[in-house]
């Protein structure tokens, strides 16, 4: 996987659109004005939500739901016998 990403991922993060120097706020000499945040030319491809992040930050809720589902399934199968 590392070799595949080394070959393809650099191109996936690049664009052929030229940079117009007059439209670019650099932070070499001073910080850019305002709060630039983590934005750029790929904002239209960004997702507002991440299911993976939600699952990672709600481990107790996920574990509780999984345990409840397992107990419910066990009880349902036990009642069928």
Protein backbone atom coordinates (compact mmCIF):
# COMPACT_ATOMS: atom_id res chain seq x y z
CA UNK A 1 0.00 0.00 0.00
CA UNK A 2 2.86 2.40 0.77
CA UNK A 3 4.31 1.96 -2.70
CA UNK A 4 0.92 2.52 -4.34
CA UNK A 5 0.34 5.71 -2.34
CA UNK A 6 3.88 6.90 -3.06
CA UNK A 7 3.16 6.59 -6.78
CA UNK A 8 -0.37 8.01 -6.86
CA UNK A 9 -1.04 10.20 -3.84
CA UNK A 10 1.37 13.01 -4.69
CA UNK A 11 -0.48 13.53 -7.98
CA UNK A 12 -3.83 13.35 -6.18
CA UNK A 13 -2.82 16.32 -4.04
CA UNK A 14 -1.45 18.41 -6.89
CA UNK A 15 -3.19 20.57 -9.46
CA UNK A 16 -2.16 22.11 -12.75
CA UNK A 17 -3.87 25.42 -11.91
CA UNK A 18 -1.23 28.15 -11.84
CA UNK A 19 -0.91 30.31 -8.74
CA UNK A 20 -1.47 34.02 -9.32
CA UNK A 21 0.97 35.80 -6.96
CA UNK A 22 -1.33 38.80 -6.46
CA UNK A 23 -4.14 36.50 -5.18
CA UNK A 24 -2.00 34.60 -2.71
CA UNK A 25 -1.56 35.50 0.96
CA UNK A 26 1.70 33.99 2.14
CA UNK A 27 2.93 33.88 5.69
CA UNK A 28 6.63 34.14 4.98
CA UNK A 29 7.05 37.71 6.22
CA UNK A 30 3.86 38.09 8.30
CA UNK A 31 0.72 36.10 9.12
CA UNK A 32 -2.11 36.25 6.59
CA UNK A 33 -5.08 38.45 7.53
CA UNK A 34 -8.05 36.88 9.31
CA UNK A 35 -8.37 33.22 10.20
CA UNK A 36 -7.32 31.21 7.14
CA UNK A 37 -8.00 27.87 8.86
CA UNK A 38 -7.35 24.70 6.93
CA UNK A 39 -8.83 25.79 3.63
CA UNK A 40 -7.58 25.74 0.09
CA UNK A 41 -8.45 24.98 -3.47
CA UNK A 42 -9.76 21.52 -2.56
CA UNK A 43 -12.51 22.75 -0.20
CA UNK A 44 -15.21 21.58 -2.60
CA UNK A 45 -14.00 18.00 -2.16
CA UNK A 46 -13.91 18.17 1.66
CA UNK A 47 -16.55 16.44 3.77
CA UNK A 48 -18.30 18.24 6.63
CA UNK A 49 -18.70 15.07 8.71
CA UNK A 50 -16.67 11.93 9.29
CA UNK A 51 -18.34 8.70 10.48
CA UNK A 52 -14.91 7.36 11.41
CA UNK A 53 -14.18 10.36 13.65
CA UNK A 54 -17.61 10.05 15.30
CA UNK A 55 -17.03 6.36 16.04
CA UNK A 56 -13.54 7.10 17.39
CA UNK A 57 -14.80 9.83 19.72
CA UNK A 58 -17.87 7.89 20.94
CA UNK A 59 -16.27 4.55 21.80
CA UNK A 60 -18.34 4.03 24.95
CA UNK A 61 -21.63 4.59 23.13
CA UNK A 62 -20.59 2.24 20.33
CA UNK A 63 -19.44 -0.42 22.81
CA UNK A 64 -22.69 -0.07 24.78
CA UNK A 65 -24.80 -0.37 21.63
CA UNK A 66 -22.82 -3.43 20.52
CA UNK A 67 -23.18 -5.05 23.95
CA UNK A 68 -26.92 -4.29 23.99
CA UNK A 69 -27.34 -5.76 20.52
CA UNK A 70 -25.42 -8.88 21.55
CA UNK A 71 -27.53 -9.30 24.70
CA UNK A 72 -30.73 -8.69 22.76
CA UNK A 73 -29.75 -11.25 20.13
CA UNK A 74 -28.82 -13.77 22.82
CA UNK A 75 -32.13 -13.24 24.62
CA UNK A 76 -34.09 -13.51 21.38
CA UNK A 77 -32.36 -16.72 20.39
CA UNK A 78 -32.81 -18.13 23.92
CA UNK A 79 -36.54 -17.35 23.85
CA UNK A 80 -36.98 -19.17 20.54
CA UNK A 81 -35.82 -22.49 22.02
